[in-house]
N, C-alpha and C. Protein backbone atom coordinates (compact mmCIF):
# COMPACT_ATOMS: atom_id res chain seq x y z
N MET A 1 -3.93 -10.69 -0.85
CA MET A 1 -4.19 -9.61 -1.80
C MET A 1 -5.70 -9.44 -2.02
N ARG A 2 -6.44 -10.52 -1.88
CA ARG A 2 -7.89 -10.41 -2.03
C ARG A 2 -8.48 -9.47 -0.97
N LEU A 3 -7.94 -9.51 0.25
CA LEU A 3 -8.41 -8.59 1.29
C LEU A 3 -8.05 -7.15 0.94
N ALA A 4 -6.89 -6.94 0.37
CA ALA A 4 -6.50 -5.59 -0.05
C ALA A 4 -7.42 -5.10 -1.17
N LEU A 5 -7.78 -5.98 -2.08
CA LEU A 5 -8.74 -5.61 -3.14
C LEU A 5 -10.10 -5.26 -2.54
N ARG A 6 -10.51 -5.99 -1.52
CA ARG A 6 -11.77 -5.68 -0.85
C ARG A 6 -11.71 -4.27 -0.25
N GLU A 7 -10.58 -3.95 0.38
CA GLU A 7 -10.40 -2.61 0.93
C GLU A 7 -10.44 -1.56 -0.18
N ALA A 8 -9.79 -1.85 -1.31
CA ALA A 8 -9.79 -0.90 -2.43
C ALA A 8 -11.21 -0.63 -2.91
N ARG A 9 -12.02 -1.67 -2.95
CA ARG A 9 -13.42 -1.49 -3.38
C ARG A 9 -14.20 -0.65 -2.37
N ARG A 10 -13.85 -0.75 -1.11
CA ARG A 10 -14.49 0.11 -0.10
C ARG A 10 -14.14 1.57 -0.38
N GLY A 11 -12.89 1.82 -0.76
CA GLY A 11 -12.50 3.18 -1.13
C GLY A 11 -13.25 3.66 -2.35
N LEU A 12 -13.40 2.79 -3.32
CA LEU A 12 -14.15 3.13 -4.53
C LEU A 12 -15.58 3.55 -4.19
N ALA A 13 -16.19 2.84 -3.26
CA ALA A 13 -17.55 3.17 -2.83
C ALA A 13 -17.62 4.55 -2.18
N GLU A 14 -16.49 5.04 -1.66
CA GLU A 14 -16.42 6.37 -1.05
C GLU A 14 -15.90 7.41 -2.04
N ASP A 15 -15.77 7.02 -3.31
CA ASP A 15 -15.25 7.87 -4.38
C ASP A 15 -13.80 8.30 -4.14
N GLU A 16 -13.04 7.43 -3.48
CA GLU A 16 -11.61 7.62 -3.30
C GLU A 16 -10.89 6.79 -4.36
N VAL A 17 -9.65 7.14 -4.65
CA VAL A 17 -8.85 6.30 -5.55
C VAL A 17 -8.79 4.91 -4.94
N PRO A 18 -9.18 3.87 -5.68
CA PRO A 18 -9.33 2.54 -5.09
C PRO A 18 -8.00 1.81 -4.86
N VAL A 19 -7.41 2.10 -3.72
CA VAL A 19 -6.19 1.42 -3.29
C VAL A 19 -6.49 0.83 -1.92
N GLY A 20 -6.09 -0.42 -1.73
CA GLY A 20 -6.28 -1.08 -0.45
C GLY A 20 -4.98 -1.66 0.06
N ALA A 21 -4.86 -1.76 1.38
CA ALA A 21 -3.66 -2.29 2.00
C ALA A 21 -4.02 -3.12 3.22
N VAL A 22 -3.25 -4.18 3.45
CA VAL A 22 -3.47 -5.07 4.59
C VAL A 22 -2.11 -5.43 5.16
N VAL A 23 -1.99 -5.36 6.49
CA VAL A 23 -0.77 -5.77 7.19
C VAL A 23 -1.06 -7.09 7.89
N VAL A 24 -0.17 -8.06 7.68
CA VAL A 24 -0.33 -9.40 8.24
C VAL A 24 0.90 -9.76 9.05
N ARG A 25 0.66 -10.38 10.21
CA ARG A 25 1.75 -10.90 11.03
C ARG A 25 1.33 -12.26 11.56
N ASP A 26 2.19 -13.23 11.39
CA ASP A 26 1.90 -14.60 11.83
C ASP A 26 0.56 -15.11 11.32
N GLY A 27 0.26 -14.77 10.08
CA GLY A 27 -0.97 -15.24 9.45
C GLY A 27 -2.23 -14.51 9.86
N LYS A 28 -2.11 -13.47 10.68
CA LYS A 28 -3.29 -12.73 11.14
C LYS A 28 -3.25 -11.29 10.64
N VAL A 29 -4.39 -10.79 10.22
CA VAL A 29 -4.50 -9.40 9.79
C VAL A 29 -4.45 -8.52 11.04
N ILE A 30 -3.52 -7.57 11.04
CA ILE A 30 -3.40 -6.66 12.19
C ILE A 30 -3.65 -5.21 11.80
N GLY A 31 -3.84 -4.96 10.52
CA GLY A 31 -4.16 -3.62 10.05
C GLY A 31 -4.67 -3.70 8.62
N ARG A 32 -5.68 -2.91 8.34
CA ARG A 32 -6.22 -2.86 6.98
C ARG A 32 -6.79 -1.49 6.76
N ALA A 33 -6.76 -1.04 5.51
CA ALA A 33 -7.29 0.29 5.21
C ALA A 33 -7.42 0.47 3.71
N HIS A 34 -8.12 1.54 3.35
CA HIS A 34 -8.21 1.96 1.95
C HIS A 34 -7.91 3.46 1.91
N ASN A 35 -7.64 3.94 0.72
CA ASN A 35 -7.35 5.38 0.57
C ASN A 35 -8.48 6.21 1.15
N ARG A 36 -8.10 7.31 1.85
CA ARG A 36 -9.11 8.20 2.41
C ARG A 36 -8.67 9.67 2.43
N PRO A 37 -7.78 10.11 1.54
CA PRO A 37 -7.35 11.51 1.61
C PRO A 37 -8.47 12.51 1.37
N VAL A 38 -9.43 12.18 0.51
CA VAL A 38 -10.52 13.12 0.24
C VAL A 38 -11.43 13.21 1.46
N ARG A 39 -11.88 12.08 1.94
CA ARG A 39 -12.83 12.06 3.06
C ARG A 39 -12.21 12.64 4.34
N LEU A 40 -10.93 12.37 4.59
CA LEU A 40 -10.28 12.86 5.80
C LEU A 40 -9.60 14.21 5.61
N ALA A 41 -9.62 14.74 4.38
CA ALA A 41 -8.91 15.98 4.06
C ALA A 41 -7.47 15.90 4.55
N ASP A 42 -6.82 14.79 4.20
CA ASP A 42 -5.47 14.48 4.69
C ASP A 42 -4.65 13.91 3.53
N PRO A 43 -3.68 14.66 3.03
CA PRO A 43 -2.89 14.17 1.90
C PRO A 43 -2.08 12.92 2.23
N ALA A 44 -1.89 12.62 3.50
CA ALA A 44 -1.13 11.44 3.90
C ALA A 44 -2.02 10.23 4.16
N ALA A 45 -3.31 10.33 3.94
CA ALA A 45 -4.23 9.24 4.25
C ALA A 45 -4.28 8.18 3.15
N HIS A 46 -3.12 7.75 2.72
CA HIS A 46 -3.04 6.65 1.75
C HIS A 46 -3.31 5.34 2.48
N ALA A 47 -3.77 4.35 1.74
CA ALA A 47 -4.12 3.05 2.32
C ALA A 47 -2.95 2.47 3.13
N GLU A 48 -1.74 2.56 2.57
CA GLU A 48 -0.59 1.98 3.25
C GLU A 48 -0.34 2.65 4.59
N ILE A 49 -0.38 3.97 4.61
CA ILE A 49 -0.12 4.73 5.84
C ILE A 49 -1.16 4.36 6.90
N LEU A 50 -2.42 4.36 6.52
CA LEU A 50 -3.48 4.05 7.47
C LEU A 50 -3.37 2.62 7.99
N ALA A 51 -3.06 1.67 7.12
CA ALA A 51 -2.91 0.27 7.55
C ALA A 51 -1.70 0.11 8.47
N LEU A 52 -0.59 0.79 8.15
CA LEU A 52 0.60 0.72 9.02
C LEU A 52 0.29 1.32 10.39
N ARG A 53 -0.44 2.42 10.43
CA ARG A 53 -0.81 3.04 11.71
C ARG A 53 -1.66 2.10 12.55
N ARG A 54 -2.61 1.45 11.92
CA ARG A 54 -3.49 0.52 12.66
C ARG A 54 -2.70 -0.68 13.18
N ALA A 55 -1.79 -1.19 12.35
CA ALA A 55 -0.97 -2.32 12.80
C ALA A 55 -0.06 -1.92 13.96
N ALA A 56 0.52 -0.74 13.87
CA ALA A 56 1.40 -0.26 14.94
C ALA A 56 0.63 -0.10 16.24
N ARG A 57 -0.58 0.44 16.15
CA ARG A 57 -1.41 0.57 17.37
C ARG A 57 -1.73 -0.80 17.96
N LYS A 58 -2.05 -1.73 17.08
CA LYS A 58 -2.39 -3.09 17.54
C LYS A 58 -1.21 -3.73 18.26
N LEU A 59 0.00 -3.56 17.71
CA LEU A 59 1.20 -4.14 18.32
C LEU A 59 1.79 -3.27 19.42
N ARG A 60 1.29 -2.02 19.51
CA ARG A 60 1.84 -1.04 20.45
C ARG A 60 3.34 -0.84 20.22
N ASN A 61 3.68 -0.79 18.92
CA ASN A 61 5.08 -0.64 18.53
C ASN A 61 5.11 -0.13 17.10
N TYR A 62 5.88 0.92 16.85
CA TYR A 62 5.96 1.44 15.49
C TYR A 62 6.80 0.55 14.59
N ARG A 63 7.60 -0.32 15.17
CA ARG A 63 8.40 -1.24 14.36
C ARG A 63 7.58 -2.48 14.05
N LEU A 64 7.38 -2.70 12.78
CA LEU A 64 6.53 -3.81 12.33
C LEU A 64 7.37 -4.95 11.75
N THR A 65 8.47 -5.22 12.40
CA THR A 65 9.35 -6.31 11.98
C THR A 65 8.55 -7.62 11.98
N GLY A 66 8.76 -8.41 10.96
CA GLY A 66 8.06 -9.68 10.85
C GLY A 66 6.69 -9.57 10.20
N CYS A 67 6.32 -8.36 9.80
CA CYS A 67 5.01 -8.14 9.18
C CYS A 67 5.15 -8.06 7.66
N SER A 68 4.06 -8.40 7.01
CA SER A 68 3.96 -8.28 5.55
C SER A 68 2.87 -7.28 5.22
N LEU A 69 3.15 -6.44 4.24
CA LEU A 69 2.18 -5.45 3.77
C LEU A 69 1.75 -5.85 2.36
N TYR A 70 0.45 -6.05 2.20
CA TYR A 70 -0.14 -6.32 0.89
C TYR A 70 -0.83 -5.05 0.43
N VAL A 71 -0.52 -4.61 -0.77
CA VAL A 71 -1.14 -3.38 -1.29
C VAL A 71 -1.44 -3.56 -2.77
N THR A 72 -2.53 -2.97 -3.22
CA THR A 72 -2.99 -3.22 -4.58
C THR A 72 -2.17 -2.54 -5.66
N ILE A 73 -1.40 -1.52 -5.29
CA ILE A 73 -0.55 -0.83 -6.27
C ILE A 73 0.81 -0.56 -5.64
N GLU A 74 1.80 -0.46 -6.46
CA GLU A 74 3.15 -0.14 -6.00
C GLU A 74 3.12 1.16 -5.18
N PRO A 75 3.70 1.15 -3.99
CA PRO A 75 3.67 2.34 -3.13
C PRO A 75 4.39 3.54 -3.73
N CYS A 76 3.88 4.73 -3.37
CA CYS A 76 4.51 5.99 -3.75
C CYS A 76 5.70 6.25 -2.82
N ALA A 77 6.42 7.33 -3.05
CA ALA A 77 7.59 7.66 -2.24
C ALA A 77 7.25 7.85 -0.76
N MET A 78 6.14 8.53 -0.48
CA MET A 78 5.74 8.73 0.91
C MET A 78 5.49 7.40 1.61
N CYS A 79 4.73 6.55 0.97
CA CYS A 79 4.40 5.25 1.57
C CYS A 79 5.64 4.36 1.65
N ALA A 80 6.50 4.43 0.65
CA ALA A 80 7.74 3.65 0.68
C ALA A 80 8.59 4.06 1.87
N GLY A 81 8.66 5.37 2.14
CA GLY A 81 9.40 5.84 3.30
C GLY A 81 8.82 5.29 4.60
N ALA A 82 7.49 5.29 4.70
CA ALA A 82 6.84 4.75 5.89
C ALA A 82 7.09 3.25 6.03
N ILE A 83 7.11 2.55 4.92
CA ILE A 83 7.39 1.10 4.94
C ILE A 83 8.78 0.86 5.50
N ILE A 84 9.73 1.63 5.04
CA ILE A 84 11.12 1.49 5.52
C ILE A 84 11.21 1.84 7.00
N LEU A 85 10.64 2.97 7.39
CA LEU A 85 10.74 3.41 8.78
C LEU A 85 10.01 2.47 9.75
N SER A 86 8.97 1.80 9.26
CA SER A 86 8.24 0.87 10.12
C SER A 86 8.92 -0.50 10.19
N ARG A 87 9.91 -0.71 9.36
CA ARG A 87 10.66 -1.98 9.32
C ARG A 87 9.81 -3.17 8.86
N ILE A 88 8.86 -2.89 7.97
CA ILE A 88 8.08 -3.98 7.36
C ILE A 88 9.07 -4.96 6.74
N SER A 89 8.81 -6.25 6.90
CA SER A 89 9.72 -7.26 6.36
C SER A 89 9.43 -7.60 4.91
N ASN A 90 8.14 -7.64 4.55
CA ASN A 90 7.75 -8.06 3.20
C ASN A 90 6.73 -7.10 2.62
N LEU A 91 6.94 -6.71 1.38
CA LEU A 91 5.99 -5.90 0.63
C LEU A 91 5.51 -6.74 -0.54
N ILE A 92 4.22 -6.92 -0.63
CA ILE A 92 3.61 -7.65 -1.73
C ILE A 92 2.62 -6.69 -2.38
N TYR A 93 2.84 -6.37 -3.65
CA TYR A 93 1.90 -5.45 -4.30
C TYR A 93 1.42 -6.01 -5.63
N GLY A 94 0.29 -5.46 -6.05
CA GLY A 94 -0.35 -5.90 -7.29
C GLY A 94 0.20 -5.22 -8.51
N ALA A 95 -0.41 -4.10 -8.87
CA ALA A 95 -0.06 -3.41 -10.12
C ALA A 95 1.13 -2.47 -9.93
N PRO A 96 1.99 -2.37 -10.93
CA PRO A 96 3.06 -1.36 -10.88
C PRO A 96 2.44 0.02 -11.07
N ASP A 97 3.15 1.04 -10.61
CA ASP A 97 2.68 2.42 -10.80
C ASP A 97 3.71 3.17 -11.63
N PRO A 98 3.49 3.25 -12.95
CA PRO A 98 4.48 3.89 -13.83
C PRO A 98 4.57 5.40 -13.68
N LYS A 99 3.70 6.01 -12.87
CA LYS A 99 3.74 7.46 -12.67
C LYS A 99 4.33 7.86 -11.33
N ALA A 100 4.20 7.00 -10.30
CA ALA A 100 4.66 7.41 -8.97
C ALA A 100 5.25 6.26 -8.15
N GLY A 101 5.43 5.10 -8.74
CA GLY A 101 5.92 3.94 -8.01
C GLY A 101 7.33 4.12 -7.47
N ALA A 102 7.50 3.79 -6.20
CA ALA A 102 8.80 3.99 -5.55
C ALA A 102 9.48 2.68 -5.16
N SER A 103 9.09 1.61 -5.85
CA SER A 103 9.75 0.33 -5.65
C SER A 103 10.47 -0.08 -6.94
N GLY A 104 10.73 0.90 -7.78
CA GLY A 104 11.48 0.64 -8.99
C GLY A 104 10.87 1.16 -10.27
N SER A 105 9.55 1.41 -10.29
CA SER A 105 8.93 1.89 -11.53
C SER A 105 9.39 3.30 -11.90
N VAL A 106 9.39 4.20 -10.93
CA VAL A 106 9.84 5.58 -11.16
C VAL A 106 11.04 5.89 -10.28
N LEU A 107 10.92 5.53 -9.02
CA LEU A 107 11.98 5.75 -8.02
C LEU A 107 12.33 4.42 -7.37
N ARG A 108 13.50 4.36 -6.77
CA ARG A 108 13.86 3.18 -5.99
C ARG A 108 14.09 3.63 -4.55
N VAL A 109 12.99 3.86 -3.83
CA VAL A 109 13.08 4.16 -2.40
C VAL A 109 13.17 2.84 -1.64
N ILE A 110 12.27 1.92 -1.96
CA ILE A 110 12.33 0.59 -1.36
C ILE A 110 13.62 -0.07 -1.85
N ASN A 111 14.40 -0.55 -0.91
CA ASN A 111 15.66 -1.24 -1.18
C ASN A 111 16.71 -0.38 -1.89
N HIS A 112 16.66 0.92 -1.62
CA HIS A 112 17.73 1.79 -2.12
C HIS A 112 19.03 1.32 -1.47
N PRO A 113 20.11 1.21 -2.22
CA PRO A 113 21.35 0.64 -1.66
C PRO A 113 21.95 1.45 -0.50
N ASP A 114 21.60 2.71 -0.37
CA ASP A 114 22.16 3.52 0.72
C ASP A 114 21.34 3.45 2.01
N LEU A 115 20.22 2.76 1.99
CA LEU A 115 19.39 2.65 3.19
C LEU A 115 19.73 1.37 3.94
N ASN A 116 19.59 1.42 5.26
CA ASN A 116 19.98 0.26 6.05
C ASN A 116 18.90 -0.82 6.12
N HIS A 117 17.64 -0.48 5.90
CA HIS A 117 16.58 -1.50 5.97
C HIS A 117 16.21 -1.97 4.57
N GLN A 118 16.21 -3.26 4.39
CA GLN A 118 15.84 -3.85 3.12
C GLN A 118 14.55 -4.64 3.30
N VAL A 119 13.74 -4.65 2.28
CA VAL A 119 12.41 -5.27 2.30
C VAL A 119 12.36 -6.33 1.21
N THR A 120 11.82 -7.49 1.53
CA THR A 120 11.57 -8.49 0.50
C THR A 120 10.34 -8.03 -0.29
N VAL A 121 10.49 -7.91 -1.60
CA VAL A 121 9.40 -7.38 -2.44
C VAL A 121 8.94 -8.46 -3.41
N VAL A 122 7.62 -8.62 -3.47
CA VAL A 122 6.99 -9.48 -4.46
C VAL A 122 6.00 -8.60 -5.21
N SER A 123 6.15 -8.50 -6.51
CA SER A 123 5.26 -7.64 -7.30
C SER A 123 4.43 -8.47 -8.26
N GLY A 124 3.35 -7.86 -8.73
CA GLY A 124 2.54 -8.50 -9.76
C GLY A 124 1.48 -9.47 -9.26
N VAL A 125 1.22 -9.50 -7.95
CA VAL A 125 0.21 -10.41 -7.41
C VAL A 125 -1.18 -9.86 -7.74
N LEU A 126 -1.94 -10.61 -8.50
CA LEU A 126 -3.26 -10.18 -8.99
C LEU A 126 -3.18 -8.82 -9.68
N ALA A 127 -2.08 -8.60 -10.40
CA ALA A 127 -1.82 -7.31 -11.03
C ALA A 127 -2.92 -6.90 -12.00
N ASP A 128 -3.44 -7.82 -12.78
CA ASP A 128 -4.48 -7.48 -13.75
C ASP A 128 -5.73 -6.95 -13.04
N GLU A 129 -6.13 -7.64 -11.98
CA GLU A 129 -7.33 -7.23 -11.25
C GLU A 129 -7.11 -5.89 -10.53
N CYS A 130 -5.94 -5.75 -9.92
CA CYS A 130 -5.62 -4.49 -9.23
C CYS A 130 -5.55 -3.33 -10.21
N GLY A 131 -4.89 -3.54 -11.33
CA GLY A 131 -4.75 -2.49 -12.34
C GLY A 131 -6.08 -2.12 -12.97
N ALA A 132 -6.93 -3.11 -13.22
CA ALA A 132 -8.24 -2.85 -13.83
C ALA A 132 -9.10 -1.98 -12.93
N LEU A 133 -9.04 -2.22 -11.64
CA LEU A 133 -9.82 -1.41 -10.69
C LEU A 133 -9.42 0.06 -10.79
N LEU A 134 -8.13 0.32 -10.87
CA LEU A 134 -7.64 1.69 -10.99
C LEU A 134 -7.98 2.30 -12.35
N ARG A 135 -7.77 1.54 -13.42
CA ARG A 135 -8.09 2.05 -14.76
C ARG A 135 -9.57 2.38 -14.87
N ASP A 136 -10.43 1.51 -14.34
CA ASP A 136 -11.87 1.75 -14.41
C ASP A 136 -12.27 2.99 -13.61
N PHE A 137 -11.55 3.27 -12.53
CA PHE A 137 -11.82 4.46 -11.73
C PHE A 137 -11.44 5.73 -12.49
N PHE A 138 -10.26 5.72 -13.12
CA PHE A 138 -9.74 6.93 -13.75
C PHE A 138 -10.28 7.18 -15.15
N ARG A 139 -10.71 6.15 -15.85
CA ARG A 139 -11.15 6.30 -17.25
C ARG A 139 -12.20 7.40 -17.41
N PRO A 140 -13.31 7.39 -16.67
CA PRO A 140 -14.29 8.46 -16.89
C PRO A 140 -13.81 9.84 -16.44
N ARG A 141 -12.87 9.89 -15.54
CA ARG A 141 -12.36 11.17 -15.04
C ARG A 141 -11.41 11.82 -16.04
N ARG A 142 -10.84 11.01 -16.91
CA ARG A 142 -9.86 11.52 -17.88
C ARG A 142 -10.47 11.81 -19.23
N SER A 143 -11.74 11.45 -19.43
CA SER A 143 -12.39 11.67 -20.73
C SER A 143 -12.84 13.11 -20.88
């Protein structure tokens, strides 16, 4: 999660919403990214999507079975769908997202009972630090 936080801070430096994601397989990082929708003019350029794409290219396979995704905030519905379609085995996230979280906070896309792929989910890892980064980013924008 510390590597995901490092990625989130890279996004912050680019004035993007500070979210970071890292894909790990067999103890090795195979994909990492931070949010870049503003810089890339791409609404799908969330940290999770970009990290999954990099991991898939590295493995030369869109199925990321046996991989773990670390992300600083609970994934949104779009990212949750990509997690399921990529067959990620483990999702580890920091802060919950009470406005758009799709792992149970708002929606249950991850591990929805009607879907065939299930993901082991661990939430709350470094949640205070992950949440503070986001709150500090949005506070001046909401005043």
